Amino acid sequence: MTESVSFTVAGVARPQGSMRAFVRGDKVVITSATKGLDEWRDAIAWEARAVTSQMLVGPLRLAATFTLPRPKSDFLADGSVRPSARLRHDKRPDLDKLTRALMDALTGVAYADDSQVAAIDVAKVYVQHITEQPQVDVFVMQEAR
């Protein structure tokens, strides 16, 4: 039987950029420059824990759609999107960095290690109405061995 997990995390997705390491005294400190990254990863882990009781095993497929804020200039007075506005989000943050934050947040919650992810299908899109909130929709399922 194929196991899977799906959930939605409300909020503006945060990218996980390159980690920086420096020495403070006799300790090595590793940090990320992205503000709000820890809170974003905690929110992902919280939502994943709410829908799974055990970690998935074996090779996995990860699908995610990051719905991100749209520039205010893209909206008409009624809150709908201008017909000429873009559908796909082609600005920062980078999709690979958003995915890295997501996969690392799921490590130890949905699966033991993100190296289990054998296939990825991810996208960035803009919200489609001024009342729509940013979020990420996540689906993780076991693949055939």
N, C-alpha and C. Protein backbone atom coordinates (compact mmCIF):
# COMPACT_ATOMS: atom_id res chain seq x y z
N MET A 1 0.84 -1.18 0.00
CA MET A 1 0.00 0.00 0.00
C MET A 1 0.88 1.25 0.00
N THR A 2 0.57 2.19 -0.87
CA THR A 2 1.33 3.42 -0.96
C THR A 2 0.85 4.41 0.09
N GLU A 3 1.79 4.91 0.87
CA GLU A 3 1.48 5.90 1.90
C GLU A 3 1.74 7.29 1.34
N SER A 4 0.97 8.28 1.83
CA SER A 4 1.18 9.65 1.41
C SER A 4 0.77 10.62 2.51
N VAL A 5 1.22 11.85 2.36
CA VAL A 5 0.92 12.93 3.29
C VAL A 5 0.62 14.17 2.45
N SER A 6 -0.45 14.88 2.77
CA SER A 6 -0.71 16.16 2.10
C SER A 6 -1.22 17.16 3.12
N PHE A 7 -0.81 18.42 2.94
CA PHE A 7 -1.20 19.47 3.86
C PHE A 7 -0.91 20.83 3.23
N THR A 8 -1.44 21.87 3.84
CA THR A 8 -1.23 23.25 3.41
C THR A 8 -0.65 24.04 4.57
N VAL A 9 0.32 24.89 4.25
CA VAL A 9 0.91 25.78 5.25
C VAL A 9 0.61 27.21 4.84
N ALA A 10 -0.12 27.94 5.67
CA ALA A 10 -0.44 29.33 5.39
C ALA A 10 0.76 30.22 5.70
N GLY A 11 0.93 31.25 4.89
CA GLY A 11 2.00 32.22 5.12
C GLY A 11 2.88 32.38 3.90
N VAL A 12 3.73 33.39 3.96
CA VAL A 12 4.66 33.67 2.86
C VAL A 12 5.88 32.76 3.02
N ALA A 13 6.12 31.94 2.01
CA ALA A 13 7.25 31.00 2.04
C ALA A 13 8.57 31.74 2.14
N ARG A 14 9.47 31.18 2.91
CA ARG A 14 10.81 31.75 3.10
C ARG A 14 11.84 30.84 2.44
N PRO A 15 12.79 31.42 1.72
CA PRO A 15 13.84 30.61 1.11
C PRO A 15 14.91 30.25 2.10
N GLN A 16 15.55 29.12 1.86
CA GLN A 16 16.71 28.73 2.66
C GLN A 16 17.93 28.88 1.77
N GLY A 17 18.66 29.95 1.98
CA GLY A 17 19.85 30.20 1.18
C GLY A 17 21.03 29.41 1.70
N SER A 18 22.17 29.82 1.27
CA SER A 18 23.40 29.16 1.71
C SER A 18 23.60 29.44 3.19
N MET A 19 24.05 28.42 3.89
CA MET A 19 24.35 28.57 5.31
C MET A 19 25.74 29.20 5.44
N ARG A 20 25.90 29.99 6.49
CA ARG A 20 27.19 30.62 6.75
C ARG A 20 27.71 30.09 8.07
N ALA A 21 28.99 29.77 8.08
CA ALA A 21 29.61 29.28 9.31
C ALA A 21 30.72 30.24 9.73
N PHE A 22 30.82 30.45 11.02
CA PHE A 22 31.91 31.25 11.54
C PHE A 22 32.28 30.72 12.92
N VAL A 23 33.47 31.07 13.35
CA VAL A 23 33.97 30.59 14.63
C VAL A 23 33.77 31.69 15.67
N ARG A 24 33.17 31.31 16.80
CA ARG A 24 33.01 32.21 17.94
C ARG A 24 33.63 31.50 19.14
N GLY A 25 34.80 31.98 19.53
CA GLY A 25 35.53 31.30 20.60
C GLY A 25 36.02 29.96 20.11
N ASP A 26 35.60 28.89 20.80
CA ASP A 26 36.00 27.55 20.37
C ASP A 26 34.85 26.79 19.73
N LYS A 27 33.76 27.51 19.36
CA LYS A 27 32.59 26.89 18.74
C LYS A 27 32.39 27.37 17.31
N VAL A 28 31.87 26.47 16.47
CA VAL A 28 31.49 26.83 15.12
C VAL A 28 30.00 27.12 15.13
N VAL A 29 29.62 28.31 14.64
CA VAL A 29 28.22 28.73 14.59
C VAL A 29 27.78 28.72 13.14
N ILE A 30 26.64 28.06 12.88
CA ILE A 30 26.10 28.00 11.52
C ILE A 30 24.80 28.79 11.52
N THR A 31 24.65 29.69 10.54
CA THR A 31 23.47 30.56 10.50
C THR A 31 23.00 30.79 9.06
N SER A 32 21.76 31.23 8.93
CA SER A 32 21.19 31.60 7.65
C SER A 32 20.78 33.06 7.75
N ALA A 33 20.93 33.80 6.67
CA ALA A 33 20.62 35.22 6.69
C ALA A 33 19.14 35.52 6.45
N THR A 34 18.32 34.52 6.14
CA THR A 34 16.92 34.74 5.82
C THR A 34 16.10 34.98 7.08
N LYS A 35 15.48 36.15 7.17
CA LYS A 35 14.62 36.45 8.32
C LYS A 35 13.35 35.64 8.22
N GLY A 36 12.94 35.07 9.33
CA GLY A 36 11.70 34.31 9.39
C GLY A 36 11.82 32.87 8.93
N LEU A 37 13.02 32.43 8.57
CA LEU A 37 13.20 31.06 8.08
C LEU A 37 12.88 30.03 9.16
N ASP A 38 13.36 30.24 10.36
CA ASP A 38 13.10 29.28 11.44
C ASP A 38 11.60 29.14 11.70
N GLU A 39 10.89 30.26 11.72
CA GLU A 39 9.44 30.24 11.96
C GLU A 39 8.72 29.52 10.82
N TRP A 40 9.17 29.75 9.57
CA TRP A 40 8.57 29.11 8.40
C TRP A 40 8.78 27.59 8.46
N ARG A 41 10.00 27.17 8.76
CA ARG A 41 10.27 25.73 8.86
C ARG A 41 9.49 25.10 10.00
N ASP A 42 9.35 25.82 11.11
CA ASP A 42 8.54 25.32 12.23
C ASP A 42 7.08 25.15 11.82
N ALA A 43 6.54 26.10 11.04
CA ALA A 43 5.15 26.02 10.59
C ALA A 43 4.95 24.81 9.68
N ILE A 44 5.91 24.54 8.80
CA ILE A 44 5.84 23.37 7.92
C ILE A 44 5.83 22.09 8.75
N ALA A 45 6.77 22.00 9.69
CA ALA A 45 6.85 20.80 10.53
C ALA A 45 5.57 20.61 11.35
N TRP A 46 5.02 21.69 11.86
CA TRP A 46 3.79 21.63 12.66
C TRP A 46 2.64 21.04 11.83
N GLU A 47 2.45 21.56 10.61
CA GLU A 47 1.37 21.07 9.75
C GLU A 47 1.60 19.62 9.33
N ALA A 48 2.85 19.25 9.07
CA ALA A 48 3.15 17.87 8.69
C ALA A 48 2.88 16.91 9.85
N ARG A 49 3.25 17.30 11.06
CA ARG A 49 3.00 16.45 12.24
C ARG A 49 1.51 16.24 12.46
N ALA A 50 0.70 17.24 12.10
CA ALA A 50 -0.75 17.17 12.32
C ALA A 50 -1.40 16.10 11.44
N VAL A 51 -0.75 15.72 10.33
CA VAL A 51 -1.38 14.78 9.39
C VAL A 51 -0.64 13.45 9.26
N THR A 52 0.45 13.28 9.99
CA THR A 52 1.19 12.03 9.88
C THR A 52 1.53 11.50 11.27
N SER A 53 1.43 10.18 11.40
CA SER A 53 1.76 9.57 12.68
C SER A 53 3.10 8.84 12.61
N GLN A 54 3.56 8.56 11.40
CA GLN A 54 4.86 7.90 11.25
C GLN A 54 5.51 8.39 9.97
N MET A 55 6.83 8.29 9.94
CA MET A 55 7.57 8.77 8.78
C MET A 55 7.42 7.82 7.59
N LEU A 56 7.41 8.40 6.41
CA LEU A 56 7.37 7.62 5.18
C LEU A 56 8.73 6.99 4.95
N VAL A 57 8.74 5.80 4.36
CA VAL A 57 9.99 5.09 4.11
C VAL A 57 10.17 4.85 2.62
N GLY A 58 11.42 4.59 2.24
CA GLY A 58 11.73 4.31 0.85
C GLY A 58 11.79 5.56 0.01
N PRO A 59 11.85 5.39 -1.32
CA PRO A 59 11.91 6.54 -2.21
C PRO A 59 10.59 7.30 -2.21
N LEU A 60 10.68 8.63 -2.29
CA LEU A 60 9.50 9.48 -2.19
C LEU A 60 9.40 10.46 -3.35
N ARG A 61 8.18 10.89 -3.62
CA ARG A 61 7.89 11.96 -4.58
C ARG A 61 7.34 13.13 -3.80
N LEU A 62 7.89 14.33 -4.02
CA LEU A 62 7.44 15.55 -3.37
C LEU A 62 6.83 16.46 -4.41
N ALA A 63 5.61 16.91 -4.15
CA ALA A 63 4.96 17.91 -5.01
C ALA A 63 4.58 19.09 -4.12
N ALA A 64 4.83 20.29 -4.61
CA ALA A 64 4.49 21.48 -3.83
C ALA A 64 4.20 22.64 -4.77
N THR A 65 3.21 23.44 -4.39
CA THR A 65 2.91 24.68 -5.10
C THR A 65 3.01 25.82 -4.10
N PHE A 66 3.95 26.72 -4.36
CA PHE A 66 4.14 27.89 -3.52
C PHE A 66 3.30 29.03 -4.11
N THR A 67 2.28 29.46 -3.40
CA THR A 67 1.45 30.58 -3.83
C THR A 67 1.97 31.81 -3.10
N LEU A 68 2.49 32.76 -3.88
CA LEU A 68 3.19 33.91 -3.32
C LEU A 68 2.44 35.22 -3.58
N PRO A 69 2.73 36.26 -2.78
CA PRO A 69 2.05 37.55 -2.97
C PRO A 69 2.32 38.12 -4.36
N ARG A 70 1.34 38.83 -4.85
CA ARG A 70 1.41 39.48 -6.16
C ARG A 70 1.61 40.98 -5.93
N PRO A 71 2.32 41.66 -6.83
CA PRO A 71 2.43 43.12 -6.69
C PRO A 71 1.04 43.77 -6.69
N LYS A 72 0.86 44.76 -5.84
CA LYS A 72 -0.44 45.43 -5.74
C LYS A 72 -0.88 46.03 -7.07
N SER A 73 0.07 46.42 -7.90
CA SER A 73 -0.25 47.02 -9.20
C SER A 73 -0.91 46.02 -10.16
N ASP A 74 -0.85 44.72 -9.85
CA ASP A 74 -1.48 43.69 -10.70
C ASP A 74 -2.98 43.57 -10.47
N PHE A 75 -3.51 44.23 -9.41
CA PHE A 75 -4.92 44.09 -9.08
C PHE A 75 -5.77 45.22 -9.63
N LEU A 76 -6.98 44.88 -10.05
CA LEU A 76 -7.98 45.86 -10.45
C LEU A 76 -8.71 46.35 -9.19
N ALA A 77 -9.55 47.35 -9.34
CA ALA A 77 -10.27 47.93 -8.20
C ALA A 77 -11.15 46.90 -7.48
N ASP A 78 -11.68 45.91 -8.21
CA ASP A 78 -12.56 44.91 -7.59
C ASP A 78 -11.79 43.77 -6.92
N GLY A 79 -10.46 43.84 -6.92
CA GLY A 79 -9.65 42.81 -6.28
C GLY A 79 -9.22 41.69 -7.20
N SER A 80 -9.75 41.67 -8.41
CA SER A 80 -9.34 40.64 -9.36
C SER A 80 -8.01 41.04 -10.01
N VAL A 81 -7.42 40.10 -10.71
CA VAL A 81 -6.12 40.32 -11.34
C VAL A 81 -6.30 40.88 -12.73
N ARG A 82 -5.46 41.83 -13.08
CA ARG A 82 -5.48 42.40 -14.44
C ARG A 82 -5.25 41.28 -15.46
N PRO A 83 -5.97 41.29 -16.57
CA PRO A 83 -5.78 40.23 -17.59
C PRO A 83 -4.35 40.13 -18.10
N SER A 84 -3.61 41.23 -18.09
CA SER A 84 -2.23 41.21 -18.60
C SER A 84 -1.21 40.78 -17.55
N ALA A 85 -1.63 40.53 -16.33
CA ALA A 85 -0.70 40.16 -15.26
C ALA A 85 -0.18 38.74 -15.46
N ARG A 86 1.00 38.48 -14.93
CA ARG A 86 1.62 37.16 -15.05
C ARG A 86 0.94 36.13 -14.15
N LEU A 87 0.91 34.89 -14.62
CA LEU A 87 0.42 33.78 -13.80
C LEU A 87 1.55 33.23 -12.94
N ARG A 88 2.69 32.99 -13.54
CA ARG A 88 3.82 32.38 -12.84
C ARG A 88 4.67 33.45 -12.16
N HIS A 89 5.16 33.10 -11.01
CA HIS A 89 6.02 33.97 -10.22
C HIS A 89 7.45 33.77 -10.72
N ASP A 90 8.02 34.78 -11.37
CA ASP A 90 9.36 34.64 -11.93
C ASP A 90 10.37 35.60 -11.31
N LYS A 91 10.13 35.95 -10.08
CA LYS A 91 11.02 36.84 -9.32
C LYS A 91 11.57 36.06 -8.13
N ARG A 92 12.40 36.73 -7.32
CA ARG A 92 12.87 36.13 -6.08
C ARG A 92 11.69 35.92 -5.16
N PRO A 93 11.72 34.91 -4.34
CA PRO A 93 12.80 33.99 -4.03
C PRO A 93 12.92 32.86 -5.07
N ASP A 94 14.11 32.30 -5.13
CA ASP A 94 14.38 31.19 -6.05
C ASP A 94 13.61 29.95 -5.62
N LEU A 95 13.09 29.24 -6.61
CA LEU A 95 12.31 28.03 -6.34
C LEU A 95 13.14 26.96 -5.64
N ASP A 96 14.40 26.81 -6.02
CA ASP A 96 15.22 25.78 -5.38
C ASP A 96 15.46 26.09 -3.90
N LYS A 97 15.54 27.35 -3.53
CA LYS A 97 15.75 27.71 -2.13
C LYS A 97 14.48 27.56 -1.31
N LEU A 98 13.32 27.81 -1.94
CA LEU A 98 12.04 27.55 -1.26
C LEU A 98 11.90 26.05 -1.01
N THR A 99 12.26 25.25 -2.02
CA THR A 99 12.17 23.79 -1.91
C THR A 99 13.13 23.26 -0.86
N ARG A 100 14.32 23.83 -0.78
CA ARG A 100 15.30 23.40 0.22
C ARG A 100 14.76 23.60 1.63
N ALA A 101 14.13 24.75 1.89
CA ALA A 101 13.55 25.02 3.21
C ALA A 101 12.44 24.01 3.52
N LEU A 102 11.60 23.73 2.52
CA LEU A 102 10.51 22.77 2.69
C LEU A 102 11.04 21.38 3.00
N MET A 103 11.99 20.91 2.19
CA MET A 103 12.52 19.56 2.37
C MET A 103 13.24 19.40 3.70
N ASP A 104 14.00 20.40 4.09
CA ASP A 104 14.70 20.32 5.38
C ASP A 104 13.71 20.34 6.55
N ALA A 105 12.63 21.10 6.43
CA ALA A 105 11.62 21.15 7.49
C ALA A 105 10.91 19.81 7.65
N LEU A 106 10.79 19.06 6.57
CA LEU A 106 10.10 17.77 6.61
C LEU A 106 11.00 16.63 7.10
N THR A 107 12.32 16.88 7.12
CA THR A 107 13.26 15.88 7.61
C THR A 107 13.02 15.61 9.09
N GLY A 108 12.86 14.34 9.41
CA GLY A 108 12.60 13.95 10.79
C GLY A 108 11.13 14.05 11.17
N VAL A 109 10.29 14.49 10.24
CA VAL A 109 8.85 14.61 10.50
C VAL A 109 8.08 13.72 9.53
N ALA A 110 8.20 13.98 8.22
CA ALA A 110 7.51 13.18 7.20
C ALA A 110 8.39 12.04 6.70
N TYR A 111 9.70 12.23 6.78
CA TYR A 111 10.66 11.21 6.36
C TYR A 111 11.93 11.38 7.18
N ALA A 112 12.75 10.33 7.18
CA ALA A 112 13.96 10.35 8.01
C ALA A 112 15.02 11.30 7.45
N ASP A 113 15.15 11.35 6.13
CA ASP A 113 16.18 12.18 5.51
C ASP A 113 15.69 12.65 4.14
N ASP A 114 16.01 13.89 3.78
CA ASP A 114 15.54 14.39 2.49
C ASP A 114 16.21 13.72 1.29
N SER A 115 17.22 12.90 1.55
CA SER A 115 17.82 12.13 0.45
C SER A 115 16.84 11.07 -0.08
N GLN A 116 15.78 10.77 0.68
CA GLN A 116 14.76 9.82 0.23
C GLN A 116 13.92 10.38 -0.92
N VAL A 117 13.91 11.69 -1.08
CA VAL A 117 13.11 12.31 -2.14
C VAL A 117 13.78 12.03 -3.47
N ALA A 118 13.11 11.20 -4.29
CA ALA A 118 13.65 10.77 -5.57
C ALA A 118 13.07 11.54 -6.74
N ALA A 119 11.94 12.22 -6.53
CA ALA A 119 11.30 12.99 -7.59
C ALA A 119 10.64 14.23 -6.97
N ILE A 120 10.73 15.33 -7.71
CA ILE A 120 10.19 16.60 -7.23
C ILE A 120 9.38 17.26 -8.33
N ASP A 121 8.21 17.78 -7.96
CA ASP A 121 7.37 18.57 -8.87
C ASP A 121 6.93 19.81 -8.09
N VAL A 122 7.62 20.93 -8.31
CA VAL A 122 7.33 22.15 -7.56
C VAL A 122 7.08 23.31 -8.51
N ALA A 123 6.30 24.30 -8.02
CA ALA A 123 5.99 25.48 -8.83
C ALA A 123 5.78 26.68 -7.92
N LYS A 124 6.02 27.87 -8.50
CA LYS A 124 5.70 29.13 -7.84
C LYS A 124 4.60 29.79 -8.66
N VAL A 125 3.56 30.23 -8.00
CA VAL A 125 2.49 30.97 -8.66
C VAL A 125 2.12 32.17 -7.80
N TYR A 126 1.45 33.13 -8.41
CA TYR A 126 0.95 34.29 -7.68
C TYR A 126 -0.45 34.02 -7.16
N VAL A 127 -0.85 34.72 -6.09
CA VAL A 127 -2.24 34.67 -5.66
C VAL A 127 -3.10 35.18 -6.82
N GLN A 128 -4.35 34.70 -6.91
CA GLN A 128 -5.21 35.06 -8.04
C GLN A 128 -6.30 36.07 -7.69
N HIS A 129 -6.39 36.49 -6.43
CA HIS A 129 -7.34 37.52 -6.01
C HIS A 129 -6.74 38.22 -4.81
N ILE A 130 -7.08 39.48 -4.63
CA ILE A 130 -6.49 40.26 -3.54
C ILE A 130 -6.79 39.66 -2.17
N THR A 131 -7.88 38.89 -2.07
CA THR A 131 -8.23 38.28 -0.78
C THR A 131 -7.54 36.94 -0.55
N GLU A 132 -6.93 36.36 -1.58
CA GLU A 132 -6.25 35.08 -1.44
C GLU A 132 -4.96 35.26 -0.65
N GLN A 133 -4.69 34.33 0.23
CA GLN A 133 -3.51 34.41 1.09
C GLN A 133 -2.38 33.53 0.56
N PRO A 134 -1.13 33.95 0.75
CA PRO A 134 0.00 33.12 0.35
C PRO A 134 0.02 31.83 1.16
N GLN A 135 0.53 30.76 0.53
CA GLN A 135 0.58 29.46 1.19
C GLN A 135 1.44 28.51 0.37
N VAL A 136 1.68 27.34 0.92
CA VAL A 136 2.28 26.26 0.13
C VAL A 136 1.43 25.02 0.34
N ASP A 137 1.10 24.36 -0.75
CA ASP A 137 0.38 23.09 -0.74
C ASP A 137 1.41 22.00 -0.97
N VAL A 138 1.42 21.01 -0.08
CA VAL A 138 2.46 19.98 -0.10
C VAL A 138 1.83 18.60 -0.21
N PHE A 139 2.45 17.74 -1.03
CA PHE A 139 2.03 16.36 -1.16
C PHE A 139 3.30 15.51 -1.24
N VAL A 140 3.42 14.53 -0.35
CA VAL A 140 4.56 13.62 -0.35
C VAL A 140 4.01 12.20 -0.39
N MET A 141 4.50 11.40 -1.33
CA MET A 141 4.04 10.01 -1.41
C MET A 141 5.20 9.07 -1.68
N GLN A 142 5.00 7.83 -1.24
CA GLN A 142 5.99 6.80 -1.50
C GLN A 142 5.97 6.44 -2.98
N GLU A 143 7.15 6.20 -3.53
CA GLU A 143 7.32 5.75 -4.90
C GLU A 143 7.61 4.25 -4.88
N ALA A 144 7.40 3.61 -6.00
CA ALA A 144 7.75 2.19 -6.11
C ALA A 144 9.26 2.04 -5.97
N ARG A 145 9.68 1.02 -5.28
CA ARG A 145 11.11 0.78 -5.11
C ARG A 145 11.65 0.28 -6.37
